[in-house]
Protein backbone atom coordinates (compact mmCIF):
# COMPACT_ATOMS: atom_id res chain seq x y z
CA MET A 1 -18.98 2.29 -3.08
CA LYS A 2 -17.36 0.84 -6.16
CA SER A 3 -15.94 -2.65 -6.19
CA ILE A 4 -12.50 -3.64 -7.43
CA SER A 5 -11.81 -6.65 -9.59
CA ASN A 6 -9.50 -9.42 -8.40
CA SER A 7 -6.91 -8.60 -11.04
CA ASP A 8 -6.89 -4.92 -10.05
CA PHE A 9 -6.58 -5.88 -6.39
CA SER A 10 -3.67 -8.20 -7.14
CA LEU A 11 -1.93 -5.47 -9.10
CA LEU A 12 -2.48 -3.02 -6.25
CA MET A 13 -1.04 -5.44 -3.69
CA GLU A 14 1.95 -6.10 -5.95
CA LYS A 15 2.81 -2.44 -6.59
CA LEU A 16 1.84 -0.84 -3.28
CA PRO A 17 5.13 -1.63 -1.46
CA ALA A 18 7.15 0.08 -4.21
CA VAL A 19 4.85 3.09 -4.17
CA LEU A 20 5.08 3.36 -0.39
CA GLN A 21 8.87 3.09 -0.46
CA TYR A 22 9.14 5.80 -3.12
CA ALA A 23 6.66 8.06 -1.33
CA ALA A 24 8.43 7.69 2.01
CA ALA A 25 11.75 8.61 0.41
CA THR A 26 10.49 11.65 -1.48
CA ILE A 27 7.95 13.40 0.75
CA GLN A 28 8.95 16.58 2.50
CA HIS A 29 9.09 16.34 6.28
CA HIS A 30 6.97 19.45 6.72
CA ASP A 31 4.18 18.13 4.46
CA THR A 32 1.98 16.54 7.11
CA ARG A 33 -0.96 15.88 4.79
CA THR A 34 1.17 13.76 2.46
CA ALA A 35 2.93 12.05 5.36
CA ASN A 36 -0.43 11.11 6.87
CA ALA A 37 -1.67 9.77 3.52
CA VAL A 38 1.42 7.57 3.21
CA ARG A 39 0.94 6.39 6.79
CA VAL A 40 -2.71 5.46 6.10
CA LEU A 41 -1.69 3.57 2.94
CA ALA A 42 0.99 1.71 4.89
CA MET A 43 -1.55 0.72 7.55
CA LEU A 44 -3.94 -0.45 4.84
CA HIS A 45 -1.17 -2.52 3.26
CA ARG A 46 -0.31 -4.16 6.60
CA LYS A 47 -3.99 -4.90 7.26
CA LEU A 48 -4.50 -6.43 3.82
CA ASN A 49 -1.36 -8.55 4.21
CA ARG A 50 -2.66 -9.91 7.50
CA GLN A 51 -6.06 -10.71 5.99
CA ASN A 52 -4.68 -12.23 2.78
CA PRO A 53 -1.28 -13.75 3.51
CA LYS A 54 0.58 -14.94 0.44
CA THR A 55 1.88 -18.46 0.40
CA LYS A 56 5.55 -18.52 -0.44
CA GLN A 57 6.26 -20.46 -3.59
CA LYS A 58 9.59 -22.11 -4.35
């Protein structure tokens, strides 16, 4: 398995919510394969957020 650099991971965590929002708005309801992929990405995003919570900066 390949590893991911910290900068790539940070970029992924920053852009993933926008990608998920766009994907959820544009997928066809009858396309179950795409809907399942979006669901898996959303679960991954929630899991990563729980493991690596961001501290809110003022």
